[in-house]
Amino acid sequence: MQNLMNVTDLSKAEITELIATAEDIIANPDKYADCCRRKKLATLFFEPSTRTRLSFEAAMLELGGSVLGFSEAASSSAAKGESVADTVRVVGCYADIIAMRHPKEGAPVVAARTAGVPVINAGDGGHNHPTQTLADLLTIWRERHTFENLTIGLCGDLKFGRTVHSLVQAMARYHGVKFVFISPEELRMPRYILTDTLEPAGIPYEEVRSMEEAMPKLDVLYMTRVQKERFFNEADYIRLKDTYILTPDKLETAKSDLVIMHPLPRVNEISVAVDQDPRAHYFDQVKNGKYMRMALILKMLEVRV
């Protein structure tokens, strides 16, 4: 596998394989501690990140490899006007694999054409975030032990939320899945997700405005923040940012085995009072992201353990 731009680049069998590797890493960390020795990961982050960048770095370090890169465009030659293609081609001379985040949709695809080494899309604008989806899938798997016959609620910023776009595309391939999209009118799921992914496959979905209306039917609730950086108009952001706030009282009608998720960072979407609820798994997602990125690095570098 040369590059990972979208979670749909992975087959269902490959996702199953990555999950199996991640679970083996969790159970037997020492077995993997030196398997990427002398391998280098470059993290090229043209957009701010905490979890994704550090997760990739922790993943490579725990595999015994090393890391180089930058955490903002201003500290790279992009500030001098260098093209993404040239930057990545240069970095490909130094590293064995690249994880790249960029604010422009499609930038990692352009980068992959010139890199000369495997490139992982670590988030491109409001488009895709495949490795967050791998973290999400491992979290769902470890809590529900299946991807089939689940009703998944996605709440908040569904228009710009690249994590929800990738998760819908991934979960749409499994039997019996239903989606409930919870958002204000201005932040609805993009039409292309509905027309290109769900409707041709006859996958049921509904769009609602009320979290409380949807809550009793959900097996998974995926909260998202309203992303200030995606708005052109600050007044619109201020008006919409606190539309949905998950509190303990709103969970009173939820299933006892509901899986509450959030890609983080959170702002106000989930009250800290929910953190103590055993159904809250958003910090588990963080840990699972590291393990799935370890599994992905091994796969893309064709490392046998």
Protein backbone atom coordinates (compact mmCIF):
# COMPACT_ATOMS: atom_id res chain seq x y z
CA MET A 1 0.00 0.00 0.00
CA GLN A 2 1.69 3.20 -1.19
CA ASN A 3 -0.44 6.03 0.25
CA LEU A 4 -3.50 6.60 2.44
CA MET A 5 -5.61 9.57 1.36
CA ASN A 6 -9.10 8.38 2.31
CA VAL A 7 -10.32 5.62 4.61
CA THR A 8 -11.97 4.03 1.56
CA ASP A 9 -8.47 3.36 0.23
CA LEU A 10 -8.56 0.53 2.77
CA SER A 11 -10.71 -2.53 2.12
CA LYS A 12 -12.82 -4.01 4.90
CA ALA A 13 -10.30 -6.86 5.10
CA GLU A 14 -7.44 -4.39 5.54
CA ILE A 15 -9.34 -2.57 8.31
CA THR A 16 -9.87 -5.92 10.05
CA GLU A 17 -6.15 -6.62 9.68
CA LEU A 18 -5.19 -3.23 11.15
CA ILE A 19 -7.54 -3.73 14.09
CA ALA A 20 -6.04 -7.16 14.77
CA THR A 21 -2.53 -5.68 14.70
CA ALA A 22 -3.57 -2.81 16.99
CA GLU A 23 -5.09 -5.22 19.48
CA ASP A 24 -1.91 -7.29 19.43
CA ILE A 25 0.12 -4.13 20.06
CA ILE A 26 -2.10 -3.35 23.05
CA ALA A 27 -1.65 -6.88 24.41
CA ASN A 28 2.07 -7.28 23.58
CA PRO A 29 3.77 -3.85 23.37
CA ASP A 30 7.30 -5.21 23.89
CA LYS A 31 6.96 -7.33 20.76
CA TYR A 32 6.80 -4.13 18.67
CA ALA A 33 9.28 -1.95 20.55
CA ASP A 34 12.13 -2.20 18.05
CA CYS A 35 10.52 -3.15 14.76
CA CYS A 36 10.96 0.28 13.07
CA ARG A 37 14.54 0.86 14.21
CA ARG A 38 16.40 3.10 11.72
CA LYS A 39 13.10 4.13 10.09
CA LYS A 40 12.09 7.81 10.06
CA LEU A 41 8.63 9.40 10.03
CA ALA A 42 8.26 13.01 8.85
CA THR A 43 5.29 14.93 10.28
CA LEU A 44 4.48 17.82 7.93
CA PHE A 45 1.75 19.85 9.63
CA PHE A 46 0.79 22.97 7.70
CA GLU A 47 -2.14 23.41 10.11
CA PRO A 48 -2.20 23.33 13.95
CA SER A 49 -2.66 19.97 15.65
CA THR A 50 -2.08 18.45 19.06
CA ARG A 51 -3.49 14.92 19.13
CA THR A 52 -2.84 13.85 15.55
CA ARG A 53 0.75 15.09 15.34
CA LEU A 54 1.76 13.82 18.77
CA SER A 55 -0.06 10.55 18.17
CA PHE A 56 1.90 9.91 14.97
CA GLU A 57 5.13 10.82 16.73
CA ALA A 58 4.36 8.62 19.75
CA ALA A 59 3.41 5.77 17.41
CA MET A 60 6.71 5.88 15.55
CA LEU A 61 8.77 6.28 18.73
CA GLU A 62 7.03 3.30 20.35
CA LEU A 63 7.91 1.26 17.26
CA GLY A 64 11.56 2.14 17.80
CA GLY A 65 11.78 4.63 14.93
CA SER A 66 12.55 8.35 14.90
CA VAL A 67 10.64 11.49 13.91
CA LEU A 68 11.40 14.75 12.12
CA GLY A 69 9.21 17.50 10.72
CA PHE A 70 7.45 20.76 11.53
CA SER A 71 4.26 21.76 13.33
CA GLU A 72 3.21 24.88 11.41
CA ALA A 73 3.62 26.24 7.90
CA ALA A 74 5.40 29.35 9.20
CA SER A 75 8.35 27.22 10.31
CA SER A 76 8.75 25.57 6.90
CA SER A 77 9.88 26.83 3.50
CA ALA A 78 6.21 27.25 2.62
CA ALA A 79 6.65 30.64 4.29
CA LYS A 80 9.13 31.44 1.50
CA GLY A 81 6.67 30.39 -1.18
CA GLU A 82 7.85 26.83 -1.78
CA SER A 83 5.16 24.58 -3.25
CA VAL A 84 3.77 21.61 -1.34
CA ALA A 85 5.01 19.30 -4.09
CA ASP A 86 8.59 20.56 -3.73
CA THR A 87 8.52 20.48 0.07
CA VAL A 88 7.35 16.88 0.10
CA ARG A 89 9.80 15.80 -2.57
CA VAL A 90 12.65 17.20 -0.46
CA VAL A 91 11.37 15.60 2.75
CA GLY A 92 11.03 12.29 0.93
CA CYS A 93 14.81 12.34 0.60
CA TYR A 94 15.13 12.31 4.40
CA ALA A 95 12.27 10.14 5.66
CA ASP A 96 10.80 6.69 5.02
CA ILE A 97 7.17 7.75 5.47
CA ILE A 98 5.30 11.07 5.71
CA ALA A 99 2.21 12.11 7.68
CA MET A 100 0.84 15.39 6.30
CA ARG A 101 -1.88 17.79 7.42
CA HIS A 102 -2.89 20.72 5.25
CA PRO A 103 -5.77 23.25 5.31
CA LYS A 104 -6.46 22.80 1.58
CA GLU A 105 -8.55 19.85 0.44
CA GLY A 106 -6.57 17.55 -1.83
CA ALA A 107 -3.11 18.86 -0.87
CA PRO A 108 -1.93 15.43 0.39
CA VAL A 109 -2.95 13.90 -2.96
CA VAL A 110 -0.72 16.40 -4.75
CA ALA A 111 2.07 15.68 -2.26
CA ALA A 112 1.84 11.93 -2.77
CA ARG A 113 2.62 12.31 -6.48
CA THR A 114 6.11 13.64 -5.81
CA ALA A 115 7.07 12.30 -2.38
CA GLY A 116 8.80 9.09 -3.40
CA VAL A 117 7.81 7.53 -0.04
CA PRO A 118 4.41 6.59 1.43
CA VAL A 119 2.21 9.56 2.40
CA ILE A 120 -0.57 9.48 4.99
CA ASN A 121 -3.27 12.15 4.90
CA ALA A 122 -3.41 13.46 8.49
CA GLY A 123 -6.33 15.77 7.62
CA ASP A 124 -6.96 17.99 4.61
CA GLY A 125 -9.23 20.95 5.24
CA GLY A 126 -12.85 19.92 5.70
CA HIS A 127 -12.41 16.87 3.49
CA ASN A 128 -10.99 13.68 5.04
CA HIS A 129 -9.18 12.45 8.15
CA PRO A 130 -8.62 8.72 7.59
CA THR A 131 -6.41 7.98 10.61
CA GLN A 132 -8.91 9.58 12.99
CA THR A 133 -11.46 7.24 11.45
CA LEU A 134 -9.17 4.29 12.18
CA ALA A 135 -9.08 5.44 15.82
CA ASP A 136 -12.88 5.70 15.75
CA LEU A 137 -13.28 2.23 14.27
CA LEU A 138 -11.04 0.61 16.87
CA THR A 139 -13.02 2.38 19.62
CA ILE A 140 -16.36 1.14 18.25
CA TRP A 141 -14.94 -2.37 17.77
CA ARG A 142 -13.55 -2.61 21.30
CA GLU A 143 -16.84 -1.43 22.82
CA ARG A 144 -19.41 -3.11 20.54
CA HIS A 145 -17.38 -6.02 19.02
CA THR A 146 -19.10 -5.45 15.67
CA PHE A 147 -19.62 -2.83 12.97
CA GLU A 148 -22.97 -4.26 11.87
CA ASN A 149 -26.54 -3.32 12.78
CA LEU A 150 -25.56 -0.11 14.58
CA THR A 151 -27.43 3.20 14.63
CA ILE A 152 -24.84 5.97 14.61
CA GLY A 153 -25.67 9.56 15.52
CA LEU A 154 -23.35 12.31 14.35
CA CYS A 155 -23.94 15.66 16.02
CA GLY A 156 -22.73 19.23 15.50
CA ASP A 157 -20.65 20.49 12.61
CA LEU A 158 -21.38 17.96 9.89
CA LYS A 159 -20.62 20.36 7.03
CA PHE A 160 -16.95 21.05 7.79
CA GLY A 161 -16.22 18.06 10.05
CA ARG A 162 -13.77 15.93 8.10
CA THR A 163 -13.87 13.26 10.83
CA VAL A 164 -17.60 12.65 10.32
CA HIS A 165 -17.22 12.53 6.54
CA SER A 166 -14.58 9.82 6.82
CA LEU A 167 -16.50 7.86 9.47
CA VAL A 168 -19.68 7.77 7.37
CA GLN A 169 -17.73 6.53 4.36
CA ALA A 170 -16.10 3.81 6.46
CA MET A 171 -19.20 2.60 8.31
CA ALA A 172 -21.43 2.70 5.23
CA ARG A 173 -19.76 -0.51 4.04
CA TYR A 174 -21.15 -2.59 6.91
CA HIS A 175 -24.49 -4.41 6.98
CA GLY A 176 -27.42 -2.94 8.85
CA VAL A 177 -25.86 0.44 9.69
CA LYS A 178 -28.17 3.45 10.03
CA PHE A 179 -27.20 7.10 10.43
CA VAL A 180 -28.86 9.97 12.28
CA PHE A 181 -27.43 13.39 11.39
CA ILE A 182 -28.02 15.99 14.10
CA SER A 183 -27.14 19.56 13.10
CA PRO A 184 -28.45 23.05 12.48
CA GLU A 185 -29.53 23.76 8.91
CA GLU A 186 -26.32 25.69 8.17
CA LEU A 187 -24.06 22.77 9.19
CA ARG A 188 -25.85 19.83 7.55
CA MET A 189 -23.96 16.86 6.16
CA PRO A 190 -22.67 17.76 2.66
CA ARG A 191 -24.97 16.65 -0.10
CA TYR A 192 -22.22 14.64 -1.82
CA ILE A 193 -21.94 12.31 1.19
CA LEU A 194 -25.64 11.55 0.89
CA THR A 195 -25.78 11.20 -2.90
CA ASP A 196 -22.43 9.49 -3.49
CA THR A 197 -22.15 7.22 -0.45
CA LEU A 198 -25.49 6.56 1.26
CA GLU A 199 -28.30 6.83 -1.29
CA PRO A 200 -26.78 4.60 -4.03
CA ALA A 201 -26.30 1.84 -1.43
CA GLY A 202 -29.78 2.29 0.05
CA ILE A 203 -28.36 3.04 3.49
CA PRO A 204 -31.02 4.62 5.73
CA TYR A 205 -30.38 8.03 7.25
CA GLU A 206 -32.37 10.84 8.78
CA GLU A 207 -31.56 14.48 9.42
CA VAL A 208 -32.87 16.00 12.65
CA ARG A 209 -32.31 19.18 14.64
CA SER A 210 -32.89 17.78 18.15
CA MET A 211 -30.32 15.71 20.02
CA GLU A 212 -32.98 14.66 22.54
CA GLU A 213 -35.22 13.33 19.75
CA ALA A 214 -32.46 11.08 18.43
CA MET A 215 -30.92 9.92 21.72
CA PRO A 216 -33.03 6.81 22.58
CA LYS A 217 -32.31 5.07 19.27
CA LEU A 218 -28.51 5.54 19.16
CA ASP A 219 -25.81 2.90 19.67
CA VAL A 220 -23.03 5.41 19.00
CA LEU A 221 -23.14 9.19 19.53
CA TYR A 222 -20.32 11.04 17.77
CA MET A 223 -20.11 14.65 18.97
CA THR A 224 -18.15 17.33 17.09
CA ARG A 225 -17.19 20.91 17.77
CA VAL A 226 -18.24 23.81 15.59
CA GLN A 227 -14.93 24.71 13.98
CA LYS A 228 -14.16 28.40 14.17
CA GLU A 229 -11.29 28.07 11.68
CA ARG A 230 -13.67 26.91 8.92
CA PHE A 231 -15.97 29.94 9.13
CA PHE A 232 -15.65 33.04 6.97
CA ASN A 233 -18.05 34.98 9.18
CA GLU A 234 -17.33 35.16 12.93
CA ALA A 235 -20.93 36.18 13.66
CA ASP A 236 -22.15 32.88 12.18
CA TYR A 237 -19.65 30.97 14.31
CA ILE A 238 -20.74 32.73 17.52
CA ARG A 239 -24.40 32.08 16.70
CA LEU A 240 -23.90 28.35 16.08
CA LYS A 241 -21.03 27.32 18.36
CA ASP A 242 -23.13 26.26 21.37
CA THR A 243 -26.05 24.72 19.47
CA TYR A 244 -25.49 21.27 20.99
CA ILE A 245 -24.08 20.63 24.46
CA LEU A 246 -24.16 17.07 25.81
CA THR A 247 -24.95 17.02 29.54
CA PRO A 248 -25.83 14.16 31.93
CA ASP A 249 -29.54 15.01 31.84
CA LYS A 250 -29.61 14.61 28.05
CA LEU A 251 -28.29 11.06 28.49
CA GLU A 252 -31.19 9.95 30.67
CA THR A 253 -33.03 8.44 27.69
CA ALA A 254 -29.88 6.96 26.12
CA LYS A 255 -29.09 3.25 25.94
CA SER A 256 -27.04 1.81 28.79
CA ASP A 257 -24.35 0.69 26.34
CA LEU A 258 -24.25 3.86 24.23
CA VAL A 259 -20.74 4.68 23.00
CA ILE A 260 -20.08 8.44 23.34
CA MET A 261 -17.29 9.67 21.08
CA HIS A 262 -15.63 12.95 20.10
CA PRO A 263 -12.51 13.44 17.93
CA LEU A 264 -11.36 16.28 20.21
CA PRO A 265 -10.50 19.02 20.91
CA ARG A 266 -13.77 19.81 22.61
CA VAL A 267 -14.88 23.30 23.49
CA ASN A 268 -18.37 23.24 25.02
CA GLU A 269 -20.00 20.31 23.18
CA ILE A 270 -19.61 17.82 26.03
CA SER A 271 -19.92 18.88 29.66
CA VAL A 272 -17.00 17.72 31.81
CA ALA A 273 -19.66 16.11 34.02
CA VAL A 274 -20.11 13.49 31.27
CA ASP A 275 -16.46 12.43 31.58
CA GLN A 276 -17.28 10.19 34.54
CA ASP A 277 -20.03 8.36 32.66
CA PRO A 278 -18.83 4.83 31.75
CA ARG A 279 -20.31 5.37 28.28
CA ALA A 280 -17.83 8.21 27.55
CA HIS A 281 -15.04 6.89 25.33
CA TYR A 282 -13.47 9.99 23.77
CA PHE A 283 -10.24 9.65 25.72
CA ASP A 284 -10.12 5.98 24.75
CA GLN A 285 -10.25 7.23 21.15
CA VAL A 286 -7.01 9.12 21.79
CA LYS A 287 -5.20 5.98 22.93
CA ASN A 288 -6.72 3.93 20.15
CA GLY A 289 -5.49 6.46 17.62
CA LYS A 290 -1.90 5.80 18.62
CA TYR A 291 -2.31 2.03 18.32
CA MET A 292 -3.99 2.23 14.92
CA ARG A 293 -1.33 4.60 13.62
CA MET A 294 1.31 2.14 14.81
CA ALA A 295 -0.47 -0.63 12.90
CA LEU A 296 -0.76 1.58 9.80
CA ILE A 297 2.92 2.54 9.83
CA LEU A 298 3.87 -1.13 10.03
CA LYS A 299 1.58 -1.95 7.11
CA MET A 300 2.74 0.92 4.90
CA LEU A 301 6.42 0.24 5.58
CA GLU A 302 5.80 -3.48 5.02
CA VAL A 303 7.40 -4.35 8.35
CA ARG A 304 6.88 -7.95 9.43
CA VAL A 305 6.74 -8.60 13.16
